[in-house]
C-alpha atoms as a PDB file:
ATOM      1  CA  MET A   1      49.466  81.818 267.906  1.00  0.00           C
ATOM      2  CA  ALA A   2      52.007  84.292 267.113  1.00  0.00           C
ATOM      3  CA  ALA A   3      49.708  86.187 264.729  1.00  0.00           C
ATOM      4  CA  ALA A   4      46.987  86.295 267.210  1.00  0.00           C
ATOM      5  CA  THR A   5      49.575  87.814 269.945  1.00  0.00           C
ATOM      6  CA  LEU A   6      50.905  90.417 267.448  1.00  0.00           C
ATOM      7  CA  LEU A   7      47.231  91.465 266.698  1.00  0.00           C
ATOM      8  CA  GLY A   8      46.373  91.561 270.409  1.00  0.00           C
ATOM      9  CA  LEU A   9      49.550  93.848 270.822  1.00  0.00           C
ATOM     10  CA  LEU A  10      48.580  95.983 268.030  1.00  0.00           C
ATOM     11  CA  ALA A  11      45.231  96.432 269.205  1.00  0.00           C
ATOM     12  CA  GLY A  12      46.141  97.156 272.765  1.00  0.00           C
ATOM     13  CA  ARG A  13      49.351  98.979 271.763  1.00  0.00           C
ATOM     14  CA  ARG A  14      51.079  97.811 274.889  1.00  0.00           C
ATOM     15  CA  PHE A  15      52.975  94.604 276.233  1.00  0.00           C
ATOM     16  CA  ARG A  16      52.536  94.201 279.886  1.00  0.00           C
ATOM     17  CA  LEU A  17      54.541  92.181 282.312  1.00  0.00           C
ATOM     18  CA  LYS A  18      51.676  89.584 282.467  1.00  0.00           C
ATOM     19  CA  ASP A  19      51.854  89.264 278.535  1.00  0.00           C
ATOM     20  CA  ARG A  20      55.631  88.901 278.612  1.00  0.00           C
ATOM     21  CA  LEU A  21      55.513  86.179 281.286  1.00  0.00           C
ATOM     22  CA  ARG A  22      52.905  84.077 279.251  1.00  0.00           C
ATOM     23  CA  THR A  23      54.973  84.410 276.084  1.00  0.00           C
ATOM     24  CA  GLN A  24      58.145  83.284 277.979  1.00  0.00           C
ATOM     25  CA  VAL A  25      56.211  80.350 279.615  1.00  0.00           C
ATOM     26  CA  GLU A  26      54.807  79.236 276.234  1.00  0.00           C
ATOM     27  CA  HIS A  27      58.014  79.588 274.389  1.00  0.00           C
ATOM     28  CA  SER A  28      60.410  78.483 277.282  1.00  0.00           C
ATOM     29  CA  PHE A  29      62.372  81.897 277.450  1.00  0.00           C
ATOM     30  CA  PHE A  30      63.880  82.847 280.674  1.00  0.00           C
ATOM     31  CA  GLU A  31      64.789  86.426 279.706  1.00  0.00           C
ATOM     32  CA  MET A  32      62.323  89.293 279.449  1.00  0.00           C
ATOM     33  CA  VAL A  33      64.089  90.740 276.411  1.00  0.00           C
ATOM     34  CA  ASP A  34      63.744  87.595 274.555  1.00  0.00           C
ATOM     35  CA  ALA A  35      60.016  87.672 274.396  1.00  0.00           C
ATOM     36  CA  CYS A  36      59.849  91.069 272.899  1.00  0.00           C
ATOM     37  CA  SER A  37      62.602  90.434 270.397  1.00  0.00           C
ATOM     38  CA  VAL A  38      61.107  87.164 269.132  1.00  0.00           C
ATOM     39  CA  LEU A  39      57.821  89.019 268.619  1.00  0.00           C
ATOM     40  CA  ARG A  40      59.443  91.835 266.665  1.00  0.00           C
ATOM     41  CA  LEU A  41      61.336  89.234 264.617  1.00  0.00           C
ATOM     42  CA  ILE A  42      58.168  87.472 263.900  1.00  0.00           C
ATOM     43  CA  LEU A  43      56.319  90.540 262.814  1.00  0.00           C
ATOM     44  CA  LEU A  44      59.317  91.639 260.562  1.00  0.00           C
ATOM     45  CA  VAL A  45      59.569  88.248 258.764  1.00  0.00           C
ATOM     46  CA  THR A  46      55.774  88.044 258.280  1.00  0.00           C
ATOM     47  CA  ILE A  47      55.644  91.597 256.844  1.00  0.00           C
ATOM     48  CA  THR A  48      58.676  90.949 254.539  1.00  0.00           C
ATOM     49  CA  VAL A  49      57.397  87.845 253.170  1.00  0.00           C
ATOM     50  CA  GLU A  50      53.794  88.891 252.674  1.00  0.00           C
ATOM     51  CA  THR A  51      55.056  92.080 250.964  1.00  0.00           C
ATOM     52  CA  THR A  52      57.274  90.232 248.577  1.00  0.00           C
ATOM     53  CA  LEU A  53      54.830  87.740 247.702  1.00  0.00           C
ATOM     54  CA  ALA A  54      52.097  90.557 247.070  1.00  0.00           C
ATOM     55  CA  LEU A  55      54.742  92.313 244.976  1.00  0.00           C
ATOM     56  CA  ALA A  56      55.508  89.185 242.848  1.00  0.00           C
ATOM     57  CA  LEU A  57      51.860  88.295 242.467  1.00  0.00           C
ATOM     58  CA  THR A  58      50.817  91.780 241.536  1.00  0.00           C
ATOM     59  CA  LEU A  59      53.613  91.971 238.808  1.00  0.00           C
ATOM     60  CA  ARG A  60      52.732  88.450 237.462  1.00  0.00           C
ATOM     61  CA  LEU A  61      48.895  89.295 237.183  1.00  0.00           C
ATOM     62  CA  HIS A  62      49.725  92.709 235.673  1.00  0.00           C
ATOM     63  CA  PHE A  63      51.882  91.416 232.958  1.00  0.00           C
ATOM     64  CA  SER A  64      49.606  88.325 232.327  1.00  0.00           C
ATOM     65  CA  TYR A  65      46.384  90.054 232.155  1.00  0.00           C
ATOM     66  CA  GLY A  66      47.602  93.621 231.460  1.00  0.00           C
END
């Protein structure tokens, strides 16, 4: 669900009050700032992990099959 939310935000390029309230209700947050910061953290972790794994696989395949 987090990935779908992030894709929606990237496509729409905005995060309206309605979206913030939905995110808060779904995740039991009570402050507006928390919803945005959690989504940013999810995005950062996702990009970091995927980049690291892609680099590791690229290097492994490069040196294995050269």
